[in-house]
Amino acid sequence: MPELLAHAGRHYAIQFHYALPDDAWCVELSEAVPAPVAWAEFPNAETHLPGAAFLVAVIPDEDPDLEPTIHIHSHDEHVVPYEITRWFMEHVAQQVERCRIAFEQGEAEAVE
């Protein structure tokens, strides 16, 4: 489920997914787009959905020697407000921490 945030009249979305070929978690930032009008009939329906990601953090979780990286995907120029960048990077930092803890716990279990 994406996380949405409105800022200065625009909507942004963060979503997570696992990229098997990279053995890594991805945290994606996009500008959110309006949900289909037909969804308005349903209670608790999302009003916005993630658009095309323009910032993607790739966080390896199988090899602790690989560093997380940020990839910029854009055909157009995107201006990302500071508060949105901070919000995105907080999610990235939390995911990096989760991956490192999980790796350390897996290493400890393998030794036992």
PDB file of N, CA and C in Angstrom:
ATOM      1  N   MET A   1       0.851  -1.173   0.000  1.00  0.00           N
ATOM      2  CA  MET A   1       0.000   0.000   0.000  1.00  0.00           C
ATOM      3  C   MET A   1       0.899   1.240   0.000  1.00  0.00           C
ATOM      4  N   PRO A   2       0.688   2.135  -0.919  1.00  0.00           N
ATOM      5  CA  PRO A   2       1.524   3.336  -0.959  1.00  0.00           C
ATOM      6  C   PRO A   2       1.207   4.267   0.202  1.00  0.00           C
ATOM      7  N   GLU A   3       2.189   5.060   0.553  1.00  0.00           N
ATOM      8  CA  GLU A   3       1.993   6.108   1.541  1.00  0.00           C
ATOM      9  C   GLU A   3       1.909   7.416   0.774  1.00  0.00           C
ATOM     10  N   LEU A   4       0.905   8.219   1.077  1.00  0.00           N
ATOM     11  CA  LEU A   4       0.665   9.462   0.348  1.00  0.00           C
ATOM     12  C   LEU A   4       0.869  10.658   1.260  1.00  0.00           C
ATOM     13  N   LEU A   5       1.331  11.767   0.660  1.00  0.00           N
ATOM     14  CA  LEU A   5       1.511  13.013   1.401  1.00  0.00           C
ATOM     15  C   LEU A   5       1.214  14.177   0.472  1.00  0.00           C
ATOM     16  N   ALA A   6       0.378  15.098   0.950  1.00  0.00           N
ATOM     17  CA  ALA A   6       0.097  16.324   0.203  1.00  0.00           C
ATOM     18  C   ALA A   6       1.032  17.413   0.722  1.00  0.00           C
ATOM     19  N   HIS A   7       1.570  18.193  -0.216  1.00  0.00           N
ATOM     20  CA  HIS A   7       2.476  19.293   0.154  1.00  0.00           C
ATOM     21  C   HIS A   7       2.363  20.384  -0.893  1.00  0.00           C
ATOM     22  N   ALA A   8       2.053  21.586  -0.453  1.00  0.00           N
ATOM     23  CA  ALA A   8       1.984  22.765  -1.322  1.00  0.00           C
ATOM     24  C   ALA A   8       1.101  22.533  -2.543  1.00  0.00           C
ATOM     25  N   GLY A   9      -0.035  21.881  -2.314  1.00  0.00           N
ATOM     26  CA  GLY A   9      -1.001  21.682  -3.393  1.00  0.00           C
ATOM     27  C   GLY A   9      -0.705  20.501  -4.319  1.00  0.00           C
ATOM     28  N   ARG A  10       0.348  19.758  -4.046  1.00  0.00           N
ATOM     29  CA  ARG A  10       0.681  18.586  -4.860  1.00  0.00           C
ATOM     30  C   ARG A  10       0.642  17.351  -3.965  1.00  0.00           C
ATOM     31  N   HIS A  11       0.480  16.205  -4.597  1.00  0.00           N
ATOM     32  CA  HIS A  11       0.443  14.944  -3.861  1.00  0.00           C
ATOM     33  C   HIS A  11       1.622  14.083  -4.290  1.00  0.00           C
ATOM     34  N   TYR A  12       2.231  13.426  -3.294  1.00  0.00           N
ATOM     35  CA  TYR A  12       3.379  12.562  -3.538  1.00  0.00           C
ATOM     36  C   TYR A  12       3.085  11.191  -2.955  1.00  0.00           C
ATOM     37  N   ALA A  13       3.742  10.173  -3.501  1.00  0.00           N
ATOM     38  CA  ALA A  13       3.542   8.806  -3.033  1.00  0.00           C
ATOM     39  C   ALA A  13       4.889   8.119  -2.846  1.00  0.00           C
ATOM     40  N   ILE A  14       4.948   7.302  -1.816  1.00  0.00           N
ATOM     41  CA  ILE A  14       6.088   6.417  -1.594  1.00  0.00           C
ATOM     42  C   ILE A  14       5.539   5.000  -1.592  1.00  0.00           C
ATOM     43  N   GLN A  15       6.232   4.126  -2.314  1.00  0.00           N
ATOM     44  CA  GLN A  15       5.874   2.718  -2.245  1.00  0.00           C
ATOM     45  C   GLN A  15       7.137   1.866  -2.225  1.00  0.00           C
ATOM     46  N   PHE A  16       6.989   0.684  -1.670  1.00  0.00           N
ATOM     47  CA  PHE A  16       8.085  -0.258  -1.507  1.00  0.00           C
ATOM     48  C   PHE A  16       7.826  -1.475  -2.377  1.00  0.00           C
ATOM     49  N   HIS A  17       8.892  -2.034  -2.923  1.00  0.00           N
ATOM     50  CA  HIS A  17       8.782  -3.334  -3.593  1.00  0.00           C
ATOM     51  C   HIS A  17      10.137  -4.009  -3.564  1.00  0.00           C
ATOM     52  N   TYR A  18      10.117  -5.323  -3.747  1.00  0.00           N
ATOM     53  CA  TYR A  18      11.360  -6.077  -3.749  1.00  0.00           C
ATOM     54  C   TYR A  18      11.765  -6.378  -5.175  1.00  0.00           C
ATOM     55  N   ALA A  19      13.007  -6.089  -5.525  1.00  0.00           N
ATOM     56  CA  ALA A  19      13.535  -6.355  -6.869  1.00  0.00           C
ATOM     57  C   ALA A  19      14.388  -7.621  -6.791  1.00  0.00           C
ATOM     58  N   LEU A  20      13.830  -8.733  -7.236  1.00  0.00           N
ATOM     59  CA  LEU A  20      14.550 -10.013  -7.180  1.00  0.00           C
ATOM     60  C   LEU A  20      15.885  -9.997  -7.913  1.00  0.00           C
ATOM     61  N   PRO A  21      15.956  -9.434  -9.126  1.00  0.00           N
ATOM     62  CA  PRO A  21      17.244  -9.472  -9.825  1.00  0.00           C
ATOM     63  C   PRO A  21      18.365  -8.755  -9.069  1.00  0.00           C
ATOM     64  N   ASP A  22      18.000  -7.761  -8.272  1.00  0.00           N
ATOM     65  CA  ASP A  22      18.998  -6.984  -7.528  1.00  0.00           C
ATOM     66  C   ASP A  22      19.172  -7.468  -6.085  1.00  0.00           C
ATOM     67  N   ASP A  23      18.322  -8.421  -5.650  1.00  0.00           N
ATOM     68  CA  ASP A  23      18.299  -8.809  -4.237  1.00  0.00           C
ATOM     69  C   ASP A  23      18.265  -7.562  -3.365  1.00  0.00           C
ATOM     70  N   ALA A  24      17.293  -6.706  -3.649  1.00  0.00           N
ATOM     71  CA  ALA A  24      17.243  -5.425  -2.952  1.00  0.00           C
ATOM     72  C   ALA A  24      15.803  -4.931  -2.819  1.00  0.00           C
ATOM     73  N   TRP A  25      15.601  -4.175  -1.759  1.00  0.00           N
ATOM     74  CA  TRP A  25      14.344  -3.457  -1.599  1.00  0.00           C
ATOM     75  C   TRP A  25      14.446  -2.136  -2.341  1.00  0.00           C
ATOM     76  N   CYS A  26      13.355  -1.718  -2.922  1.00  0.00           N
ATOM     77  CA  CYS A  26      13.283  -0.426  -3.600  1.00  0.00           C
ATOM     78  C   CYS A  26      12.241   0.442  -2.902  1.00  0.00           C
ATOM     79  N   VAL A  27      12.611   1.679  -2.664  1.00  0.00           N
ATOM     80  CA  VAL A  27      11.698   2.676  -2.122  1.00  0.00           C
ATOM     81  C   VAL A  27      11.545   3.709  -3.232  1.00  0.00           C
ATOM     82  N   GLU A  28      10.314   3.879  -3.701  1.00  0.00           N
ATOM     83  CA  GLU A  28      10.068   4.757  -4.855  1.00  0.00           C
ATOM     84  C   GLU A  28       9.301   6.007  -4.443  1.00  0.00           C
ATOM     85  N   LEU A  29       9.725   7.142  -4.969  1.00  0.00           N
ATOM     86  CA  LEU A  29       9.007   8.403  -4.781  1.00  0.00           C
ATOM     87  C   LEU A  29       8.438   8.830  -6.120  1.00  0.00           C
ATOM     88  N   SER A  30       7.161   9.172  -6.109  1.00  0.00           N
ATOM     89  CA  SER A  30       6.512   9.666  -7.331  1.00  0.00           C
ATOM     90  C   SER A  30       5.546  10.775  -6.963  1.00  0.00           C
ATOM     91  N   GLU A  31       5.154  11.513  -7.977  1.00  0.00           N
ATOM     92  CA  GLU A  31       4.049  12.445  -7.780  1.00  0.00           C
ATOM     93  C   GLU A  31       2.780  11.619  -7.952  1.00  0.00           C
ATOM     94  N   ALA A  32       1.877  11.740  -7.008  1.00  0.00           N
ATOM     95  CA  ALA A  32       0.649  10.957  -7.059  1.00  0.00           C
ATOM     96  C   ALA A  32      -0.314  11.553  -8.075  1.00  0.00           C
ATOM     97  N   VAL A  33      -1.094  10.685  -8.686  1.00  0.00           N
ATOM     98  CA  VAL A  33      -2.079  11.091  -9.684  1.00  0.00           C
ATOM     99  C   VAL A  33      -3.475  10.799  -9.131  1.00  0.00           C
ATOM    100  N   PRO A  34      -4.469  11.559  -9.566  1.00  0.00           N
ATOM    101  CA  PRO A  34      -5.824  11.313  -9.062  1.00  0.00           C
ATOM    102  C   PRO A  34      -6.307   9.902  -9.393  1.00  0.00           C
ATOM    103  N   ALA A  35      -6.997   9.313  -8.441  1.00  0.00           N
ATOM    104  CA  ALA A  35      -7.609   7.996  -8.649  1.00  0.00           C
ATOM    105  C   ALA A  35      -8.767   8.142  -9.635  1.00  0.00           C
ATOM    106  N   PRO A  36      -9.170   7.062 -10.272  1.00  0.00           N
ATOM    107  CA  PRO A  36     -10.307   7.137 -11.199  1.00  0.00           C
ATOM    108  C   PRO A  36     -11.559   7.700 -10.510  1.00  0.00           C
ATOM    109  N   VAL A  37     -12.309   8.484 -11.225  1.00  0.00           N
ATOM    110  CA  VAL A  37     -13.513   9.126 -10.687  1.00  0.00           C
ATOM    111  C   VAL A  37     -14.480   8.083 -10.137  1.00  0.00           C
ATOM    112  N   ALA A  38     -14.569   6.935 -10.766  1.00  0.00           N
ATOM    113  CA  ALA A  38     -15.493   5.885 -10.326  1.00  0.00           C
ATOM    114  C   ALA A  38     -15.185   5.414  -8.902  1.00  0.00           C
ATOM    115  N   TRP A  39     -13.976   5.575  -8.443  1.00  0.00           N
ATOM    116  CA  TRP A  39     -13.621   5.139  -7.096  1.00  0.00           C
ATOM    117  C   TRP A  39     -14.302   5.980  -6.028  1.00  0.00           C
ATOM    118  N   ALA A  40     -14.758   7.182  -6.390  1.00  0.00           N
ATOM    119  CA  ALA A  40     -15.396   8.074  -5.418  1.00  0.00           C
ATOM    120  C   ALA A  40     -16.637   7.441  -4.799  1.00  0.00           C
ATOM    121  N   GLU A  41     -17.222   6.466  -5.478  1.00  0.00           N
ATOM    122  CA  GLU A  41     -18.428   5.787  -4.971  1.00  0.00           C
ATOM    123  C   GLU A  41     -18.110   4.872  -3.789  1.00  0.00           C
ATOM    124  N   PHE A  42     -16.870   4.481  -3.637  1.00  0.00           N
ATOM    125  CA  PHE A  42     -16.503   3.513  -2.617  1.00  0.00           C
ATOM    126  C   PHE A  42     -15.964   4.209  -1.363  1.00  0.00           C
ATOM    127  N   PRO A  43     -16.515   3.838  -0.200  1.00  0.00           N
ATOM    128  CA  PRO A  43     -15.996   4.445   1.035  1.00  0.00           C
ATOM    129  C   PRO A  43     -14.533   4.042   1.254  1.00  0.00           C
ATOM    130  N   ASN A  44     -13.752   4.947   1.789  1.00  0.00           N
ATOM    131  CA  ASN A  44     -12.336   4.723   2.120  1.00  0.00           C
ATOM    132  C   ASN A  44     -11.448   4.460   0.903  1.00  0.00           C
ATOM    133  N   ALA A  45     -11.950   4.733  -0.282  1.00  0.00           N
ATOM    134  CA  ALA A  45     -11.122   4.548  -1.483  1.00  0.00           C
ATOM    135  C   ALA A  45     -10.050   5.638  -1.523  1.00  0.00           C
ATOM    136  N   GLU A  46      -8.886   5.269  -2.030  1.00  0.00           N
ATOM    137  CA  GLU A  46      -7.797   6.236  -2.175  1.00  0.00           C
ATOM    138  C   GLU A  46      -8.217   7.333  -3.157  1.00  0.00           C
ATOM    139  N   THR A  47      -7.791   8.556  -2.893  1.00  0.00           N
ATOM    140  CA  THR A  47      -8.089   9.654  -3.808  1.00  0.00           C
ATOM    141  C   THR A  47      -6.967   9.846  -4.817  1.00  0.00           C
ATOM    142  N   HIS A  48      -5.775   9.328  -4.473  1.00  0.00           N
ATOM    143  CA  HIS A  48      -4.615   9.443  -5.362  1.00  0.00           C
ATOM    144  C   HIS A  48      -3.868   8.122  -5.397  1.00  0.00           C
ATOM    145  N   LEU A  49      -3.186   7.888  -6.490  1.00  0.00           N
ATOM    146  CA  LEU A  49      -2.376   6.680  -6.693  1.00  0.00           C
ATOM    147  C   LEU A  49      -0.967   7.090  -7.084  1.00  0.00           C
ATOM    148  N   PRO A  50       0.007   6.222  -6.820  1.00  0.00           N
ATOM    149  CA  PRO A  50       1.376   6.562  -7.235  1.00  0.00           C
ATOM    150  C   PRO A  50       1.466   6.725  -8.746  1.00  0.00           C
ATOM    151  N   GLY A  51       2.241   7.697  -9.161  1.00  0.00           N
ATOM    152  CA  GLY A  51       2.533   7.874 -10.577  1.00  0.00           C
ATOM    153  C   GLY A  51       3.847   7.184 -10.897  1.00  0.00           C
ATOM    154  N   ALA A  52       4.470   7.596 -11.985  1.00  0.00           N
ATOM    155  CA  ALA A  52       5.767   7.027 -12.367  1.00  0.00           C
ATOM    156  C   ALA A  52       6.838   7.515 -11.392  1.00  0.00           C
ATOM    157  N   ALA A  53       7.620   6.579 -10.874  1.00  0.00           N
ATOM    158  CA  ALA A  53       8.656   6.920  -9.897  1.00  0.00           C
ATOM    159  C   ALA A  53       9.747   7.767 -10.543  1.00  0.00           C
ATOM    160  N   PHE A  54      10.181   8.805  -9.839  1.00  0.00           N
ATOM    161  CA  PHE A  54      11.296   9.605 -10.349  1.00  0.00           C
ATOM    162  C   PHE A  54      12.517   9.542  -9.430  1.00  0.00           C
ATOM    163  N   LEU A  55      12.347   9.067  -8.208  1.00  0.00           N
ATOM    164  CA  LEU A  55      13.476   8.766  -7.325  1.00  0.00           C
ATOM    165  C   LEU A  55      13.280   7.349  -6.801  1.00  0.00           C
ATOM    166  N   VAL A  56      14.313   6.537  -6.904  1.00  0.00           N
ATOM    167  CA  VAL A  56      14.231   5.157  -6.422  1.00  0.00           C
ATOM    168  C   VAL A  56      15.482   4.860  -5.598  1.00  0.00           C
ATOM    169  N   ALA A  57      15.261   4.502  -4.343  1.00  0.00           N
ATOM    170  CA  ALA A  57      16.360   4.043  -3.497  1.00  0.00           C
ATOM    171  C   ALA A  57      16.422   2.530  -3.625  1.00  0.00           C
ATOM    172  N   VAL A  58      17.616   2.011  -3.901  1.00  0.00           N
ATOM    173  CA  VAL A  58      17.830   0.562  -4.017  1.00  0.00           C
ATOM    174  C   VAL A  58      18.666   0.147  -2.815  1.00  0.00           C
ATOM    175  N   ILE A  59      18.092  -0.746  -1.996  1.00  0.00           N
ATOM    176  CA  ILE A  59      18.703  -1.119  -0.730  1.00  0.00           C
ATOM    177  C   ILE A  59      18.971  -2.622  -0.723  1.00  0.00           C
ATOM    178  N   PRO A  60      20.209  -3.028  -1.010  1.00  0.00           N
ATOM    179  CA  PRO A  60      20.532  -4.457  -1.016  1.00  0.00           C
ATOM    180  C   PRO A  60      20.321  -5.071   0.375  1.00  0.00           C
ATOM    181  N   ASP A  61      19.751  -6.264   0.411  1.00  0.00           N
ATOM    182  CA  ASP A  61      19.536  -6.907   1.707  1.00  0.00           C
ATOM    183  C   ASP A  61      20.213  -8.269   1.814  1.00  0.00           C
ATOM    184  N   GLU A  62      20.958  -8.662   0.801  1.00  0.00           N
ATOM    185  CA  GLU A  62      21.647  -9.951   0.823  1.00  0.00           C
ATOM    186  C   GLU A  62      23.144  -9.807   1.041  1.00  0.00           C
ATOM    187  N   ASP A  63      23.702  -8.659   0.727  1.00  0.00           N
ATOM    188  CA  ASP A  63      25.143  -8.442   0.822  1.00  0.00           C
ATOM    189  C   ASP A  63      25.401  -7.129   1.563  1.00  0.00           C
ATOM    190  N   PRO A  64      25.858  -7.202   2.805  1.00  0.00           N
ATOM    191  CA  PRO A  64      26.056  -5.970   3.584  1.00  0.00           C
ATOM    192  C   PRO A  64      27.170  -5.081   3.043  1.00  0.00           C
ATOM    193  N   ASP A  65      27.995  -5.596   2.136  1.00  0.00           N
ATOM    194  CA  ASP A  65      29.060  -4.779   1.558  1.00  0.00           C
ATOM    195  C   ASP A  65      28.550  -3.857   0.445  1.00  0.00           C
ATOM    196  N   LEU A  66      27.345  -4.121  -0.060  1.00  0.00           N
ATOM    197  CA  LEU A  66      26.769  -3.259  -1.100  1.00  0.00           C
ATOM    198  C   LEU A  66      26.051  -2.085  -0.439  1.00  0.00           C
ATOM    199  N   GLU A  67      26.340  -0.891  -0.915  1.00  0.00           N
ATOM    200  CA  GLU A  67      25.726   0.309  -0.353  1.00  0.00           C
ATOM    201  C   GLU A  67      24.373   0.587  -0.996  1.00  0.00           C
ATOM    202  N   PRO A  68      23.451   1.148  -0.222  1.00  0.00           N
ATOM    203  CA  PRO A  68      22.217   1.639  -0.826  1.00  0.00           C
ATOM    204  C   PRO A  68      22.544   2.762  -1.807  1.00  0.00           C
ATOM    205  N   THR A  69      21.759   2.869  -2.859  1.00  0.00           N
ATOM    206  CA  THR A  69      21.964   3.913  -3.863  1.00  0.00           C
ATOM    207  C   THR A  69      20.636   4.584  -4.180  1.00  0.00           C
ATOM    208  N   ILE A  70      20.721   5.788  -4.715  1.00  0.00           N
ATOM    209  CA  ILE A  70      19.541   6.530  -5.171  1.00  0.00           C
ATOM    210  C   ILE A  70      19.643   6.655  -6.682  1.00  0.00           C
ATOM    211  N   HIS A  71      18.577   6.264  -7.362  1.00  0.00           N
ATOM    212  CA  HIS A  71      18.522   6.355  -8.815  1.00  0.00           C
ATOM    213  C   HIS A  71      17.500   7.431  -9.189  1.00  0.00           C
ATOM    214  N   ILE A  72      17.847   8.241 -10.155  1.00  0.00           N
ATOM    215  CA  ILE A  72      16.955   9.300 -10.630  1.00  0.00           C
ATOM    216  C   ILE A  72      16.424   8.870 -11.992  1.00  0.00           C
ATOM    217  N   HIS A  73      15.096   8.754 -12.081  1.00  0.00           N
ATOM    218  CA  HIS A  73      14.442   8.352 -13.319  1.00  0.00           C
ATOM    219  C   HIS A  73      13.519   9.483 -13.755  1.00  0.00           C
ATOM    220  N   SER A  74      13.872  10.153 -14.829  1.00  0.00           N
ATOM    221  CA  SER A  74      13.016  11.245 -15.254  1.00  0.00           C
ATOM    222  C   SER A  74      13.341  11.668 -16.679  1.00  0.00           C
ATOM    223  N   HIS A  75      12.301  11.826 -17.454  1.00  0.00           N
ATOM    224  CA  HIS A  75      12.453  12.416 -18.782  1.00  0.00           C
ATOM    225  C   HIS A  75      12.239  13.924 -18.702  1.00  0.00           C
ATOM    226  N   ASP A  76      11.521  14.329 -17.666  1.00  0.00           N
ATOM    227  CA  ASP A  76      11.241  15.746 -17.440  1.00  0.00           C
ATOM    228  C   ASP A  76      11.976  16.189 -16.177  1.00  0.00           C
ATOM    229  N   GLU A  77      12.097  17.474 -16.036  1.00  0.00           N
ATOM    230  CA  GLU A  77      12.681  18.004 -14.812  1.00  0.00           C
ATOM    231  C   GLU A  77      11.651  17.926 -13.696  1.00  0.00           C
ATOM    232  N   HIS A  78      12.069  17.473 -12.545  1.00  0.00           N
ATOM    233  CA  HIS A  78      11.201  17.438 -11.370  1.00  0.00           C
ATOM    234  C   HIS A  78      11.825  18.315 -10.297  1.00  0.00           C
ATOM    235  N   VAL A  79      11.031  19.163  -9.716  1.00  0.00           N
ATOM    236  CA  VAL A  79      11.459  19.947  -8.571  1.00  0.00           C
ATOM    237  C   VAL A  79      10.839  19.260  -7.356  1.00  0.00           C
ATOM    238  N   VAL A  80      11.690  18.791  -6.465  1.00  0.00           N
ATOM    239  CA  VAL A  80      11.211  18.064  -5.293  1.00  0.00           C
ATOM    240  C   VAL A  80      11.418  18.957  -4.074  1.00  0.00           C
ATOM    241  N   PRO A  81      10.337  19.360  -3.422  1.00  0.00           N
ATOM    242  CA  PRO A  81      10.474  20.212  -2.244  1.00  0.00           C
ATOM    243  C   PRO A  81      11.314  19.529  -1.154  1.00  0.00           C
ATOM    244  N   TYR A  82      11.985  20.340  -0.381  1.00  0.00           N
ATOM    245  CA  TYR A  82      12.841  19.846   0.689  1.00  0.00           C
ATOM    246  C   TYR A  82      12.087  18.914   1.634  1.00  0.00           C
ATOM    247  N   GLU A  83      10.893  19.297   2.059  1.00  0.00           N
ATOM    248  CA  GLU A  83      10.121  18.474   3.004  1.00  0.00           C
ATOM    249  C   GLU A  83       9.787  17.104   2.408  1.00  0.00           C
ATOM    250  N   ILE A  84       9.532  17.059   1.118  1.00  0.00           N
ATOM    251  CA  ILE A  84       9.238  15.776   0.463  1.00  0.00           C
ATOM    252  C   ILE A  84      10.510  14.939   0.374  1.00  0.00           C
ATOM    253  N   THR A  85      11.629  15.586   0.096  1.00  0.00           N
ATOM    254  CA  THR A  85      12.907  14.868   0.059  1.00  0.00           C
ATOM    255  C   THR A  85      13.225  14.289   1.434  1.00  0.00           C
ATOM    256  N   ARG A  86      13.017  15.065   2.470  1.00  0.00           N
ATOM    257  CA  ARG A  86      13.244  14.570   3.843  1.00  0.00           C
ATOM    258  C   ARG A  86      12.331  13.393   4.142  1.00  0.00           C
ATOM    259  N   TRP A  87      11.064  13.484   3.789  1.00  0.00           N
ATOM    260  CA  TRP A  87      10.080  12.418   4.014  1.00  0.00           C
ATOM    261  C   TRP A  87      10.539  11.141   3.306  1.00  0.00           C
ATOM    262  N   PHE A  88      10.962  11.279   2.063  1.00  0.00           N
ATOM    263  CA  PHE A  88      11.450  10.135   1.290  1.00  0.00           C
ATOM    264  C   PHE A  88      12.692   9.536   1.952  1.00  0.00           C
ATOM    265  N   MET A  89      13.654  10.365   2.287  1.00  0.00           N
ATOM    266  CA  MET A  89      14.905   9.872   2.863  1.00  0.00           C
ATOM    267  C   MET A  89      14.703   9.255   4.250  1.00  0.00           C
ATOM    268  N   GLU A  90      13.716   9.721   5.001  1.00  0.00           N
ATOM    269  CA  GLU A  90      13.395   9.077   6.277  1.00  0.00           C
ATOM    270  C   GLU A  90      12.925   7.643   6.037  1.00  0.00           C
ATOM    271  N   HIS A  91      12.092   7.447   5.013  1.00  0.00           N
ATOM    272  CA  HIS A  91      11.646   6.089   4.663  1.00  0.00           C
ATOM    273  C   HIS A  91      12.817   5.233   4.192  1.00  0.00           C
ATOM    274  N   VAL A  92      13.708   5.824   3.420  1.00  0.00           N
ATOM    275  CA  VAL A  92      14.885   5.096   2.939  1.00  0.00           C
ATOM    276  C   VAL A  92      15.751   4.689   4.132  1.00  0.00           C
ATOM    277  N   ALA A  93      16.016   5.610   5.045  1.00  0.00           N
ATOM    278  CA  ALA A  93      16.848   5.316   6.209  1.00  0.00           C
ATOM    279  C   ALA A  93      16.232   4.210   7.065  1.00  0.00           C
ATOM    280  N   GLN A  94      14.915   4.243   7.237  1.00  0.00           N
ATOM    281  CA  GLN A  94      14.241   3.202   8.009  1.00  0.00           C
ATOM    282  C   GLN A  94      14.368   1.839   7.317  1.00  0.00           C
ATOM    283  N   GLN A  95      14.257   1.815   5.999  1.00  0.00           N
ATOM    284  CA  GLN A  95      14.372   0.557   5.265  1.00  0.00           C
ATOM    285  C   GLN A  95      15.810   0.024   5.329  1.00  0.00           C
ATOM    286  N   VAL A  96      16.791   0.911   5.224  1.00  0.00           N
ATOM    287  CA  VAL A  96      18.194   0.497   5.354  1.00  0.00           C
ATOM    288  C   VAL A  96      18.404  -0.142   6.726  1.00  0.00           C
ATOM    289  N   GLU A  97      17.896   0.492   7.758  1.00  0.00           N
ATOM    290  CA  GLU A  97      18.045  -0.040   9.114  1.00  0.00           C
ATOM    291  C   GLU A  97      17.367  -1.406   9.248  1.00  0.00           C
ATOM    292  N   ARG A  98      16.152  -1.550   8.715  1.00  0.00           N
ATOM    293  CA  ARG A  98      15.457  -2.845   8.779  1.00  0.00           C
ATOM    294  C   ARG A  98      16.260  -3.934   8.074  1.00  0.00           C
ATOM    295  N   CYS A  99      16.801  -3.614   6.905  1.00  0.00           N
ATOM    296  CA  CYS A  99      17.572  -4.598   6.144  1.00  0.00           C
ATOM    297  C   CYS A  99      18.837  -4.996   6.884  1.00  0.00           C
ATOM    298  N   ARG A 100      19.509  -4.040   7.486  1.00  0.00           N
ATOM    299  CA  ARG A 100      20.747  -4.342   8.216  1.00  0.00           C
ATOM    300  C   ARG A 100      20.467  -5.190   9.452  1.00  0.00           C
ATOM    301  N   ILE A 101      19.407  -4.868  10.167  1.00  0.00           N
ATOM    302  CA  ILE A 101      19.038  -5.654  11.346  1.00  0.00           C
ATOM    303  C   ILE A 101      18.679  -7.075  10.928  1.00  0.00           C
ATOM    304  N   ALA A 102      17.877  -7.211   9.872  1.00  0.00           N
ATOM    305  CA  ALA A 102      17.479  -8.543   9.399  1.00  0.00           C
ATOM    306  C   ALA A 102      18.700  -9.348   8.974  1.00  0.00           C
ATOM    307  N   PHE A 103      19.659  -8.712   8.305  1.00  0.00           N
ATOM    308  CA  PHE A 103      20.859  -9.415   7.869  1.00  0.00           C
ATOM    309  C   PHE A 103      21.663  -9.880   9.085  1.00  0.00           C
ATOM    310  N   GLU A 104      21.833  -8.994  10.068  1.00  0.00           N
ATOM    311  CA  GLU A 104      22.586  -9.348  11.276  1.00  0.00           C
ATOM    312  C   GLU A 104      21.909 -10.477  12.037  1.00  0.00           C
ATOM    313  N   GLN A 105      20.586 -10.468  12.115  1.00  0.00           N
ATOM    314  CA  GLN A 105      19.863 -11.534  12.801  1.00  0.00           C
ATOM    315  C   GLN A 105      20.020 -12.848  12.039  1.00  0.00           C
ATOM    316  N   GLY A 106      19.999 -12.784  10.709  1.00  0.00           N
ATOM    317  CA  GLY A 106      20.203 -13.981   9.897  1.00  0.00           C
ATOM    318  C   GLY A 106      21.596 -14.544  10.072  1.00  0.00           C
ATOM    319  N   GLU A 107      22.582 -13.669  10.155  1.00  0.00           N
ATOM    320  CA  GLU A 107      23.967 -14.106  10.377  1.00  0.00           C
ATOM    321  C   GLU A 107      24.081 -14.778  11.760  1.00  0.00           C
ATOM    322  N   ALA A 108      23.473 -14.194  12.772  1.00  0.00           N
ATOM    323  CA  ALA A 108      23.544 -14.749  14.120  1.00  0.00           C
ATOM    324  C   ALA A 108      22.861 -16.118  14.175  1.00  0.00           C
ATOM    325  N   GLU A 109      21.724 -16.270  13.505  1.00  0.00           N
ATOM    326  CA  GLU A 109      21.015 -17.546  13.477  1.00  0.00           C
ATOM    327  C   GLU A 109      21.815 -18.601  12.742  1.00  0.00           C
ATOM    328  N   ALA A 110      22.539 -18.212  11.707  1.00  0.00           N
ATOM    329  CA  ALA A 110      23.346 -19.159  10.942  1.00  0.00           C
ATOM    330  C   ALA A 110      24.503 -19.692  11.774  1.00  0.00           C
ATOM    331  N   VAL A 111      25.041 -18.870  12.678  1.00  0.00           N
ATOM    332  CA  VAL A 111      26.162 -19.264  13.524  1.00  0.00           C
ATOM    333  C   VAL A 111      25.689 -20.223  14.617  1.00  0.00           C
ATOM    334  N   GLU A 112      24.494 -19.986  15.137  1.00  0.00           N
ATOM    335  CA  GLU A 112      23.964 -20.817  16.236  1.00  0.00           C
ATOM    336  C   GLU A 112      23.666 -22.148  15.724  1.00  0.00           C
TER     337      GLU A 112
END
